[in-house]
Amino acid sequence: MKVAITATGNTMKSELDERFGRCSYLAIHDFDTHLTEFIKNPNKEAEEGAGPATVQLIASKEVTKIISGEFGGKVKKILDDLQIQMIMFNGPTKTIQDIVKLMNNN
């Protein structure tokens, strides 16, 4: 199972980025291999359509879940159509490492 997590930086110590389409990085964690790939979000500075473009990027990585602080209105239907689950994380600030540990315990 691969999960995308919006991140403020490109290390496991980076924090969850509250923004989805305009996040700084995407951490793609593979729970089968326990490897994490960090991708700089090319849509961060997009004039418009950052959310749908970021969904397409994530879909190309074969993820099944996306964790972020918030999602724009345009992406919900796209994610539903692609059968990618949205998980909103609104709590105390967590690092990517913290979130991966939480997911491992479930």
PDB file of N, CA and C in Angstrom:
ATOM      1  N   MET A   1       0.846  -1.176   0.000  1.00  0.00           N
ATOM      2  CA  MET A   1       0.000   0.000   0.000  1.00  0.00           C
ATOM      3  C   MET A   1       0.893   1.241   0.000  1.00  0.00           C
ATOM      4  N   LYS A   2       0.577   2.179  -0.900  1.00  0.00           N
ATOM      5  CA  LYS A   2       1.301   3.447  -0.957  1.00  0.00           C
ATOM      6  C   LYS A   2       0.386   4.570  -0.494  1.00  0.00           C
ATOM      7  N   VAL A   3       0.956   5.443   0.348  1.00  0.00           N
ATOM      8  CA  VAL A   3       0.222   6.580   0.888  1.00  0.00           C
ATOM      9  C   VAL A   3       1.003   7.854   0.582  1.00  0.00           C
ATOM     10  N   ALA A   4       0.303   8.870   0.098  1.00  0.00           N
ATOM     11  CA  ALA A   4       0.919  10.184  -0.128  1.00  0.00           C
ATOM     12  C   ALA A   4       0.600  11.071   1.065  1.00  0.00           C
ATOM     13  N   ILE A   5       1.611  11.783   1.537  1.00  0.00           N
ATOM     14  CA  ILE A   5       1.454  12.710   2.662  1.00  0.00           C
ATOM     15  C   ILE A   5       1.997  14.066   2.218  1.00  0.00           C
ATOM     16  N   THR A   6       1.191  15.110   2.379  1.00  0.00           N
ATOM     17  CA  THR A   6       1.685  16.442   2.022  1.00  0.00           C
ATOM     18  C   THR A   6       2.716  16.874   3.062  1.00  0.00           C
ATOM     19  N   ALA A   7       3.844  17.411   2.584  1.00  0.00           N
ATOM     20  CA  ALA A   7       4.963  17.715   3.476  1.00  0.00           C
ATOM     21  C   ALA A   7       5.519  19.115   3.221  1.00  0.00           C
ATOM     22  N   THR A   8       6.069  19.713   4.285  1.00  0.00           N
ATOM     23  CA  THR A   8       6.681  21.036   4.174  1.00  0.00           C
ATOM     24  C   THR A   8       8.113  20.950   3.654  1.00  0.00           C
ATOM     25  N   GLY A   9       8.723  19.781   3.718  1.00  0.00           N
ATOM     26  CA  GLY A   9      10.107  19.597   3.278  1.00  0.00           C
ATOM     27  C   GLY A   9      10.322  18.194   2.741  1.00  0.00           C
ATOM     28  N   ASN A  10      11.572  17.840   2.514  1.00  0.00           N
ATOM     29  CA  ASN A  10      11.864  16.552   1.878  1.00  0.00           C
ATOM     30  C   ASN A  10      12.597  15.564   2.781  1.00  0.00           C
ATOM     31  N   THR A  11      12.277  15.601   4.077  1.00  0.00           N
ATOM     32  CA  THR A  11      12.841  14.619   5.017  1.00  0.00           C
ATOM     33  C   THR A  11      11.724  14.084   5.906  1.00  0.00           C
ATOM     34  N   MET A  12      12.006  12.995   6.585  1.00  0.00           N
ATOM     35  CA  MET A  12      11.025  12.397   7.496  1.00  0.00           C
ATOM     36  C   MET A  12      10.734  13.310   8.687  1.00  0.00           C
ATOM     37  N   LYS A  13      11.625  14.263   8.967  1.00  0.00           N
ATOM     38  CA  LYS A  13      11.423  15.205  10.066  1.00  0.00           C
ATOM     39  C   LYS A  13      10.595  16.420   9.638  1.00  0.00           C
ATOM     40  N   SER A  14      10.282  16.509   8.340  1.00  0.00           N
ATOM     41  CA  SER A  14       9.436  17.609   7.851  1.00  0.00           C
ATOM     42  C   SER A  14       8.038  17.440   8.411  1.00  0.00           C
ATOM     43  N   GLU A  15       7.324  18.563   8.518  1.00  0.00           N
ATOM     44  CA  GLU A  15       5.973  18.523   9.062  1.00  0.00           C
ATOM     45  C   GLU A  15       4.940  18.352   7.952  1.00  0.00           C
ATOM     46  N   LEU A  16       3.762  17.906   8.363  1.00  0.00           N
ATOM     47  CA  LEU A  16       2.626  17.806   7.447  1.00  0.00           C
ATOM     48  C   LEU A  16       2.325  19.200   6.912  1.00  0.00           C
ATOM     49  N   ASP A  17       2.176  19.323   5.599  1.00  0.00           N
ATOM     50  CA  ASP A  17       1.780  20.592   4.991  1.00  0.00           C
ATOM     51  C   ASP A  17       0.263  20.616   4.980  1.00  0.00           C
ATOM     52  N   GLU A  18      -0.315  21.667   5.537  1.00  0.00           N
ATOM     53  CA  GLU A  18      -1.779  21.769   5.639  1.00  0.00           C
ATOM     54  C   GLU A  18      -2.457  21.852   4.273  1.00  0.00           C
ATOM     55  N   ARG A  19      -1.738  22.335   3.274  1.00  0.00           N
ATOM     56  CA  ARG A  19      -2.323  22.533   1.943  1.00  0.00           C
ATOM     57  C   ARG A  19      -2.126  21.280   1.102  1.00  0.00           C
ATOM     58  N   PHE A  20      -3.118  20.941   0.304  1.00  0.00           N
ATOM     59  CA  PHE A  20      -2.974  19.780  -0.570  1.00  0.00           C
ATOM     60  C   PHE A  20      -2.345  20.175  -1.909  1.00  0.00           C
ATOM     61  N   GLY A  21      -3.086  20.858  -2.751  1.00  0.00           N
ATOM     62  CA  GLY A  21      -2.627  21.169  -4.098  1.00  0.00           C
ATOM     63  C   GLY A  21      -1.396  22.037  -4.148  1.00  0.00           C
ATOM     64  N   ARG A  22      -1.210  22.854  -3.133  1.00  0.00           N
ATOM     65  CA  ARG A  22      -0.070  23.768  -3.106  1.00  0.00           C
ATOM     66  C   ARG A  22       0.956  23.402  -2.023  1.00  0.00           C
ATOM     67  N   CYS A  23       0.969  22.138  -1.645  1.00  0.00           N
ATOM     68  CA  CYS A  23       1.968  21.699  -0.664  1.00  0.00           C
ATOM     69  C   CYS A  23       3.364  21.825  -1.276  1.00  0.00           C
ATOM     70  N   SER A  24       4.380  21.898  -0.434  1.00  0.00           N
ATOM     71  CA  SER A  24       5.752  22.027  -0.922  1.00  0.00           C
ATOM     72  C   SER A  24       6.274  20.714  -1.497  1.00  0.00           C
ATOM     73  N   TYR A  25       6.025  19.633  -0.771  1.00  0.00           N
ATOM     74  CA  TYR A  25       6.502  18.311  -1.186  1.00  0.00           C
ATOM     75  C   TYR A  25       5.406  17.275  -0.958  1.00  0.00           C
ATOM     76  N   LEU A  26       5.571  16.148  -1.619  1.00  0.00           N
ATOM     77  CA  LEU A  26       4.720  14.986  -1.383  1.00  0.00           C
ATOM     78  C   LEU A  26       5.625  13.851  -0.934  1.00  0.00           C
ATOM     79  N   ALA A  27       5.312  13.279   0.213  1.00  0.00           N
ATOM     80  CA  ALA A  27       6.038  12.103   0.692  1.00  0.00           C
ATOM     81  C   ALA A  27       5.202  10.894   0.283  1.00  0.00           C
ATOM     82  N   ILE A  28       5.767  10.026  -0.540  1.00  0.00           N
ATOM     83  CA  ILE A  28       5.080   8.814  -0.972  1.00  0.00           C
ATOM     84  C   ILE A  28       5.688   7.666  -0.179  1.00  0.00           C
ATOM     85  N   HIS A  29       4.935   7.143   0.778  1.00  0.00           N
ATOM     86  CA  HIS A  29       5.459   6.066   1.626  1.00  0.00           C
ATOM     87  C   HIS A  29       4.846   4.740   1.195  1.00  0.00           C
ATOM     88  N   ASP A  30       5.714   3.773   0.944  1.00  0.00           N
ATOM     89  CA  ASP A  30       5.290   2.420   0.559  1.00  0.00           C
ATOM     90  C   ASP A  30       5.345   1.549   1.820  1.00  0.00           C
ATOM     91  N   PHE A  31       4.182   1.116   2.285  1.00  0.00           N
ATOM     92  CA  PHE A  31       4.130   0.336   3.525  1.00  0.00           C
ATOM     93  C   PHE A  31       4.569  -1.112   3.329  1.00  0.00           C
ATOM     94  N   ASP A  32       4.757  -1.536   2.083  1.00  0.00           N
ATOM     95  CA  ASP A  32       5.274  -2.886   1.827  1.00  0.00           C
ATOM     96  C   ASP A  32       6.800  -2.907   1.896  1.00  0.00           C
ATOM     97  N   THR A  33       7.441  -1.887   1.319  1.00  0.00           N
ATOM     98  CA  THR A  33       8.910  -1.839   1.306  1.00  0.00           C
ATOM     99  C   THR A  33       9.466  -0.957   2.424  1.00  0.00           C
ATOM    100  N   HIS A  34       8.612  -0.159   3.056  1.00  0.00           N
ATOM    101  CA  HIS A  34       8.986   0.787   4.116  1.00  0.00           C
ATOM    102  C   HIS A  34       9.915   1.890   3.595  1.00  0.00           C
ATOM    103  N   LEU A  35       9.814   2.195   2.300  1.00  0.00           N
ATOM    104  CA  LEU A  35      10.621   3.261   1.709  1.00  0.00           C
ATOM    105  C   LEU A  35       9.742   4.486   1.473  1.00  0.00           C
ATOM    106  N   THR A  36      10.344   5.665   1.601  1.00  0.00           N
ATOM    107  CA  THR A  36       9.631   6.920   1.376  1.00  0.00           C
ATOM    108  C   THR A  36      10.359   7.711   0.296  1.00  0.00           C
ATOM    109  N   GLU A  37       9.588   8.134  -0.701  1.00  0.00           N
ATOM    110  CA  GLU A  37      10.110   8.968  -1.788  1.00  0.00           C
ATOM    111  C   GLU A  37       9.530  10.370  -1.612  1.00  0.00           C
ATOM    112  N   PHE A  38      10.375  11.381  -1.714  1.00  0.00           N
ATOM    113  CA  PHE A  38       9.904  12.764  -1.614  1.00  0.00           C
ATOM    114  C   PHE A  38       9.936  13.391  -3.000  1.00  0.00           C
ATOM    115  N   ILE A  39       8.818  14.010  -3.377  1.00  0.00           N
ATOM    116  CA  ILE A  39       8.696  14.650  -4.677  1.00  0.00           C
ATOM    117  C   ILE A  39       8.374  16.121  -4.450  1.00  0.00           C
ATOM    118  N   LYS A  40       9.168  16.996  -5.068  1.00  0.00           N
ATOM    119  CA  LYS A  40       8.859  18.429  -4.997  1.00  0.00           C
ATOM    120  C   LYS A  40       7.589  18.656  -5.819  1.00  0.00           C
ATOM    121  N   ASN A  41       6.632  19.370  -5.243  1.00  0.00           N
ATOM    122  CA  ASN A  41       5.349  19.576  -5.916  1.00  0.00           C
ATOM    123  C   ASN A  41       5.503  20.633  -7.013  1.00  0.00           C
ATOM    124  N   PRO A  42       5.414  20.226  -8.283  1.00  0.00           N
ATOM    125  CA  PRO A  42       5.567  21.199  -9.369  1.00  0.00           C
ATOM    126  C   PRO A  42       4.357  22.131  -9.506  1.00  0.00           C
ATOM    127  N   ASN A  43       3.273  21.831  -8.796  1.00  0.00           N
ATOM    128  CA  ASN A  43       2.041  22.613  -8.900  1.00  0.00           C
ATOM    129  C   ASN A  43       1.907  23.675  -7.813  1.00  0.00           C
ATOM    130  N   LYS A  44       2.897  23.791  -6.941  1.00  0.00           N
ATOM    131  CA  LYS A  44       2.814  24.695  -5.789  1.00  0.00           C
ATOM    132  C   LYS A  44       2.517  26.138  -6.203  1.00  0.00           C
ATOM    133  N   GLU A  45       3.131  26.589  -7.270  1.00  0.00           N
ATOM    134  CA  GLU A  45       2.988  27.979  -7.701  1.00  0.00           C
ATOM    135  C   GLU A  45       2.024  28.137  -8.879  1.00  0.00           C
ATOM    136  N   ALA A  46       1.252  27.104  -9.192  1.00  0.00           N
ATOM    137  CA  ALA A  46       0.344  27.157 -10.346  1.00  0.00           C
ATOM    138  C   ALA A  46      -0.692  28.266 -10.178  1.00  0.00           C
ATOM    139  N   GLU A  47      -1.015  28.928 -11.282  1.00  0.00           N
ATOM    140  CA  GLU A  47      -2.031  29.990 -11.274  1.00  0.00           C
ATOM    141  C   GLU A  47      -3.385  29.420 -10.855  1.00  0.00           C
ATOM    142  N   GLU A  48      -3.730  28.276 -11.426  1.00  0.00           N
ATOM    143  CA  GLU A  48      -5.005  27.617 -11.100  1.00  0.00           C
ATOM    144  C   GLU A  48      -4.863  26.128 -11.388  1.00  0.00           C
ATOM    145  N   GLY A  49      -5.770  25.352 -10.821  1.00  0.00           N
ATOM    146  CA  GLY A  49      -5.769  23.913 -11.077  1.00  0.00           C
ATOM    147  C   GLY A  49      -4.696  23.133 -10.344  1.00  0.00           C
ATOM    148  N   ALA A  50      -4.154  23.700  -9.261  1.00  0.00           N
ATOM    149  CA  ALA A  50      -3.087  23.014  -8.521  1.00  0.00           C
ATOM    150  C   ALA A  50      -3.579  21.697  -7.920  1.00  0.00           C
ATOM    151  N   GLY A  51      -4.801  21.700  -7.374  1.00  0.00           N
ATOM    152  CA  GLY A  51      -5.334  20.484  -6.750  1.00  0.00           C
ATOM    153  C   GLY A  51      -5.486  19.336  -7.731  1.00  0.00           C
ATOM    154  N   PRO A  52      -6.247  19.522  -8.830  1.00  0.00           N
ATOM    155  CA  PRO A  52      -6.394  18.435  -9.804  1.00  0.00           C
ATOM    156  C   PRO A  52      -5.055  17.965 -10.394  1.00  0.00           C
ATOM    157  N   ALA A  53      -4.134  18.900 -10.646  1.00  0.00           N
ATOM    158  CA  ALA A  53      -2.827  18.514 -11.191  1.00  0.00           C
ATOM    159  C   ALA A  53      -2.042  17.680 -10.175  1.00  0.00           C
ATOM    160  N   THR A  54      -2.145  18.024  -8.903  1.00  0.00           N
ATOM    161  CA  THR A  54      -1.452  17.265  -7.865  1.00  0.00           C
ATOM    162  C   THR A  54      -2.069  15.878  -7.713  1.00  0.00           C
ATOM    163  N   VAL A  55      -3.385  15.775  -7.872  1.00  0.00           N
ATOM    164  CA  VAL A  55      -4.040  14.456  -7.849  1.00  0.00           C
ATOM    165  C   VAL A  55      -3.472  13.580  -8.962  1.00  0.00           C
ATOM    166  N   GLN A  56      -3.337  14.129 -10.160  1.00  0.00           N
ATOM    167  CA  GLN A  56      -2.809  13.346 -11.281  1.00  0.00           C
ATOM    168  C   GLN A  56      -1.385  12.876 -11.001  1.00  0.00           C
ATOM    169  N   LEU A  57      -0.570  13.733 -10.401  1.00  0.00           N
ATOM    170  CA  LEU A  57       0.795  13.356 -10.039  1.00  0.00           C
ATOM    171  C   LEU A  57       0.777  12.186  -9.059  1.00  0.00           C
ATOM    172  N   ILE A  58      -0.065  12.287  -8.047  1.00  0.00           N
ATOM    173  CA  ILE A  58      -0.148  11.235  -7.034  1.00  0.00           C
ATOM    174  C   ILE A  58      -0.688   9.939  -7.635  1.00  0.00           C
ATOM    175  N   ALA A  59      -1.694  10.057  -8.486  1.00  0.00           N
ATOM    176  CA  ALA A  59      -2.277   8.865  -9.116  1.00  0.00           C
ATOM    177  C   ALA A  59      -1.230   8.121  -9.940  1.00  0.00           C
ATOM    178  N   SER A  60      -0.296   8.845 -10.547  1.00  0.00           N
ATOM    179  CA  SER A  60       0.754   8.207 -11.355  1.00  0.00           C
ATOM    180  C   SER A  60       1.701   7.376 -10.490  1.00  0.00           C
ATOM    181  N   LYS A  61       1.685   7.616  -9.183  1.00  0.00           N
ATOM    182  CA  LYS A  61       2.542   6.879  -8.242  1.00  0.00           C
ATOM    183  C   LYS A  61       1.804   5.704  -7.601  1.00  0.00           C
ATOM    184  N   GLU A  62       0.573   5.452  -8.042  1.00  0.00           N
ATOM    185  CA  GLU A  62      -0.236   4.308  -7.579  1.00  0.00           C
ATOM    186  C   GLU A  62      -0.515   4.324  -6.082  1.00  0.00           C
ATOM    187  N   VAL A  63      -0.807   5.506  -5.540  1.00  0.00           N
ATOM    188  CA  VAL A  63      -1.161   5.598  -4.131  1.00  0.00           C
ATOM    189  C   VAL A  63      -2.640   5.247  -3.943  1.00  0.00           C
ATOM    190  N   THR A  64      -2.978   4.785  -2.745  1.00  0.00           N
ATOM    191  CA  THR A  64      -4.367   4.443  -2.433  1.00  0.00           C
ATOM    192  C   THR A  64      -4.977   5.401  -1.414  1.00  0.00           C
ATOM    193  N   LYS A  65      -4.123   6.181  -0.735  1.00  0.00           N
ATOM    194  CA  LYS A  65      -4.605   7.135   0.275  1.00  0.00           C
ATOM    195  C   LYS A  65      -3.762   8.397   0.210  1.00  0.00           C
ATOM    196  N   ILE A  66      -4.402   9.529   0.537  1.00  0.00           N
ATOM    197  CA  ILE A  66      -3.699  10.802   0.615  1.00  0.00           C
ATOM    198  C   ILE A  66      -4.012  11.422   1.971  1.00  0.00           C
ATOM    199  N   ILE A  67      -2.961  11.854   2.671  1.00  0.00           N
ATOM    200  CA  ILE A  67      -3.117  12.508   3.964  1.00  0.00           C
ATOM    201  C   ILE A  67      -2.684  13.963   3.820  1.00  0.00           C
ATOM    202  N   SER A  68      -3.574  14.879   4.229  1.00  0.00           N
ATOM    203  CA  SER A  68      -3.282  16.306   4.175  1.00  0.00           C
ATOM    204  C   SER A  68      -4.121  17.012   5.228  1.00  0.00           C
ATOM    205  N   GLY A  69      -3.836  18.280   5.435  1.00  0.00           N
ATOM    206  CA  GLY A  69      -4.613  19.072   6.390  1.00  0.00           C
ATOM    207  C   GLY A  69      -5.955  19.483   5.812  1.00  0.00           C
ATOM    208  N   GLU A  70      -5.987  19.788   4.513  1.00  0.00           N
ATOM    209  CA  GLU A  70      -7.236  20.189   3.869  1.00  0.00           C
ATOM    210  C   GLU A  70      -7.163  19.862   2.392  1.00  0.00           C
ATOM    211  N   PHE A  71      -8.333  19.759   1.791  1.00  0.00           N
ATOM    212  CA  PHE A  71      -8.455  19.457   0.365  1.00  0.00           C
ATOM    213  C   PHE A  71      -9.388  20.485  -0.250  1.00  0.00           C
ATOM    214  N   GLY A  72      -9.050  20.947  -1.449  1.00  0.00           N
ATOM    215  CA  GLY A  72      -9.923  21.872  -2.160  1.00  0.00           C
ATOM    216  C   GLY A  72     -11.147  21.148  -2.702  1.00  0.00           C
ATOM    217  N   GLY A  73     -12.181  21.901  -2.995  1.00  0.00           N
ATOM    218  CA  GLY A  73     -13.440  21.333  -3.460  1.00  0.00           C
ATOM    219  C   GLY A  73     -13.349  20.584  -4.778  1.00  0.00           C
ATOM    220  N   LYS A  74     -12.423  20.957  -5.638  1.00  0.00           N
ATOM    221  CA  LYS A  74     -12.324  20.329  -6.959  1.00  0.00           C
ATOM    222  C   LYS A  74     -11.769  18.917  -6.918  1.00  0.00           C
ATOM    223  N   VAL A  75     -11.008  18.594  -5.876  1.00  0.00           N
ATOM    224  CA  VAL A  75     -10.310  17.303  -5.894  1.00  0.00           C
ATOM    225  C   VAL A  75     -11.128  16.133  -5.370  1.00  0.00           C
ATOM    226  N   LYS A  76     -12.152  16.375  -4.584  1.00  0.00           N
ATOM    227  CA  LYS A  76     -12.900  15.265  -3.974  1.00  0.00           C
ATOM    228  C   LYS A  76     -13.475  14.329  -5.028  1.00  0.00           C
ATOM    229  N   LYS A  77     -14.132  14.866  -6.039  1.00  0.00           N
ATOM    230  CA  LYS A  77     -14.730  14.019  -7.066  1.00  0.00           C
ATOM    231  C   LYS A  77     -13.650  13.259  -7.838  1.00  0.00           C
ATOM    232  N   ILE A  78     -12.556  13.935  -8.145  1.00  0.00           N
ATOM    233  CA  ILE A  78     -11.470  13.270  -8.878  1.00  0.00           C
ATOM    234  C   ILE A  78     -10.919  12.106  -8.062  1.00  0.00           C
ATOM    235  N   LEU A  79     -10.691  12.337  -6.769  1.00  0.00           N
ATOM    236  CA  LEU A  79     -10.176  11.279  -5.906  1.00  0.00           C
ATOM    237  C   LEU A  79     -11.180  10.135  -5.784  1.00  0.00           C
ATOM    238  N   ASP A  80     -12.459  10.473  -5.665  1.00  0.00           N
ATOM    239  CA  ASP A  80     -13.495   9.439  -5.614  1.00  0.00           C
ATOM    240  C   ASP A  80     -13.477   8.602  -6.885  1.00  0.00           C
ATOM    241  N   ASP A  81     -13.394   9.264  -8.036  1.00  0.00           N
ATOM    242  CA  ASP A  81     -13.371   8.553  -9.319  1.00  0.00           C
ATOM    243  C   ASP A  81     -12.156   7.638  -9.438  1.00  0.00           C
ATOM    244  N   LEU A  82     -11.020   8.069  -8.885  1.00  0.00           N
ATOM    245  CA  LEU A  82      -9.786   7.271  -8.937  1.00  0.00           C
ATOM    246  C   LEU A  82      -9.700   6.258  -7.793  1.00  0.00           C
ATOM    247  N   GLN A  83     -10.690   6.273  -6.911  1.00  0.00           N
ATOM    248  CA  GLN A  83     -10.741   5.386  -5.739  1.00  0.00           C
ATOM    249  C   GLN A  83      -9.511   5.573  -4.839  1.00  0.00           C
ATOM    250  N   ILE A  84      -9.163   6.844  -4.626  1.00  0.00           N
ATOM    251  CA  ILE A  84      -8.092   7.204  -3.698  1.00  0.00           C
ATOM    252  C   ILE A  84      -8.741   7.854  -2.480  1.00  0.00           C
ATOM    253  N   GLN A  85      -8.461   7.302  -1.310  1.00  0.00           N
ATOM    254  CA  GLN A  85      -9.079   7.778  -0.076  1.00  0.00           C
ATOM    255  C   GLN A  85      -8.395   9.046   0.430  1.00  0.00           C
ATOM    256  N   MET A  86      -9.196  10.047   0.814  1.00  0.00           N
ATOM    257  CA  MET A  86      -8.692  11.275   1.441  1.00  0.00           C
ATOM    258  C   MET A  86      -8.725  11.104   2.950  1.00  0.00           C
ATOM    259  N   ILE A  87      -7.646  11.456   3.605  1.00  0.00           N
ATOM    260  CA  ILE A  87      -7.601  11.460   5.064  1.00  0.00           C
ATOM    261  C   ILE A  87      -7.176  12.857   5.489  1.00  0.00           C
ATOM    262  N   MET A  88      -8.082  13.557   6.178  1.00  0.00           N
ATOM    263  CA  MET A  88      -7.760  14.893   6.684  1.00  0.00           C
ATOM    264  C   MET A  88      -7.162  14.757   8.072  1.00  0.00           C
ATOM    265  N   PHE A  89      -6.012  15.382   8.263  1.00  0.00           N
ATOM    266  CA  PHE A  89      -5.332  15.308   9.550  1.00  0.00           C
ATOM    267  C   PHE A  89      -5.328  16.695  10.152  1.00  0.00           C
ATOM    268  N   ASN A  90      -6.196  16.906  11.115  1.00  0.00           N
ATOM    269  CA  ASN A  90      -6.290  18.207  11.796  1.00  0.00           C
ATOM    270  C   ASN A  90      -6.048  17.989  13.278  1.00  0.00           C
ATOM    271  N   GLY A  91      -4.832  18.015  13.656  1.00  0.00           N
ATOM    272  CA  GLY A  91      -4.496  17.853  15.056  1.00  0.00           C
ATOM    273  C   GLY A  91      -3.233  18.620  15.339  1.00  0.00           C
ATOM    274  N   PRO A  92      -2.575  18.289  16.432  1.00  0.00           N
ATOM    275  CA  PRO A  92      -1.289  18.930  16.699  1.00  0.00           C
ATOM    276  C   PRO A  92      -0.333  18.639  15.535  1.00  0.00           C
ATOM    277  N   THR A  93       0.588  19.537  15.297  1.00  0.00           N
ATOM    278  CA  THR A  93       1.534  19.380  14.200  1.00  0.00           C
ATOM    279  C   THR A  93       2.292  18.067  14.337  1.00  0.00           C
ATOM    280  N   LYS A  94       2.351  17.336  13.238  1.00  0.00           N
ATOM    281  CA  LYS A  94       3.054  16.049  13.212  1.00  0.00           C
ATOM    282  C   LYS A  94       4.083  16.059  12.087  1.00  0.00           C
ATOM    283  N   THR A  95       5.149  15.291  12.282  1.00  0.00           N
ATOM    284  CA  THR A  95       6.130  15.115  11.216  1.00  0.00           C
ATOM    285  C   THR A  95       5.678  13.957  10.328  1.00  0.00           C
ATOM    286  N   ILE A  96       6.315  13.836   9.186  1.00  0.00           N
ATOM    287  CA  ILE A  96       6.014  12.715   8.282  1.00  0.00           C
ATOM    288  C   ILE A  96       6.307  11.408   9.006  1.00  0.00           C
ATOM    289  N   GLN A  97       7.386  11.374   9.741  1.00  0.00           N
ATOM    290  CA  GLN A  97       7.756  10.181  10.517  1.00  0.00           C
ATOM    291  C   GLN A  97       6.658   9.819  11.517  1.00  0.00           C
ATOM    292  N   ASP A  98       6.100  10.820  12.214  1.00  0.00           N
ATOM    293  CA  ASP A  98       5.021  10.582  13.183  1.00  0.00           C
ATOM    294  C   ASP A  98       3.803   9.961  12.495  1.00  0.00           C
ATOM    295  N   ILE A  99       3.460  10.492  11.330  1.00  0.00           N
ATOM    296  CA  ILE A  99       2.271  10.016  10.619  1.00  0.00           C
ATOM    297  C   ILE A  99       2.474   8.588  10.127  1.00  0.00           C
ATOM    298  N   VAL A 100       3.668   8.284   9.626  1.00  0.00           N
ATOM    299  CA  VAL A 100       3.954   6.912   9.170  1.00  0.00           C
ATOM    300  C   VAL A 100       3.849   5.948  10.348  1.00  0.00           C
ATOM    301  N   LYS A 101       4.365   6.352  11.503  1.00  0.00           N
ATOM    302  CA  LYS A 101       4.266   5.492  12.699  1.00  0.00           C
ATOM    303  C   LYS A 101       2.800   5.268  13.079  1.00  0.00           C
ATOM    304  N   LEU A 102       1.992   6.333  13.039  1.00  0.00           N
ATOM    305  CA  LEU A 102       0.576   6.188  13.346  1.00  0.00           C
ATOM    306  C   LEU A 102      -0.114   5.220  12.373  1.00  0.00           C
ATOM    307  N   MET A 103       0.212   5.334  11.114  1.00  0.00           N
ATOM    308  CA  MET A 103      -0.380   4.443  10.090  1.00  0.00           C
ATOM    309  C   MET A 103       0.076   2.995  10.290  1.00  0.00           C
ATOM    310  N   ASN A 104       1.307   2.793  10.729  1.00  0.00           N
ATOM    311  CA  ASN A 104       1.816   1.438  10.974  1.00  0.00           C
ATOM    312  C   ASN A 104       1.090   0.765  12.128  1.00  0.00           C
ATOM    313  N   ASN A 105       0.626   1.571  13.078  1.00  0.00           N
ATOM    314  CA  ASN A 105      -0.051   1.018  14.262  1.00  0.00           C
ATOM    315  C   ASN A 105      -1.514   0.684  14.005  1.00  0.00           C
ATOM    316  N   ASN A 106      -2.036   1.050  12.837  1.00  0.00           N
ATOM    317  CA  ASN A 106      -3.445   0.768  12.524  1.00  0.00           C
ATOM    318  C   ASN A 106      -3.585  -0.422  11.631  1.00  0.00           C
TER     319      ASN A 106
END
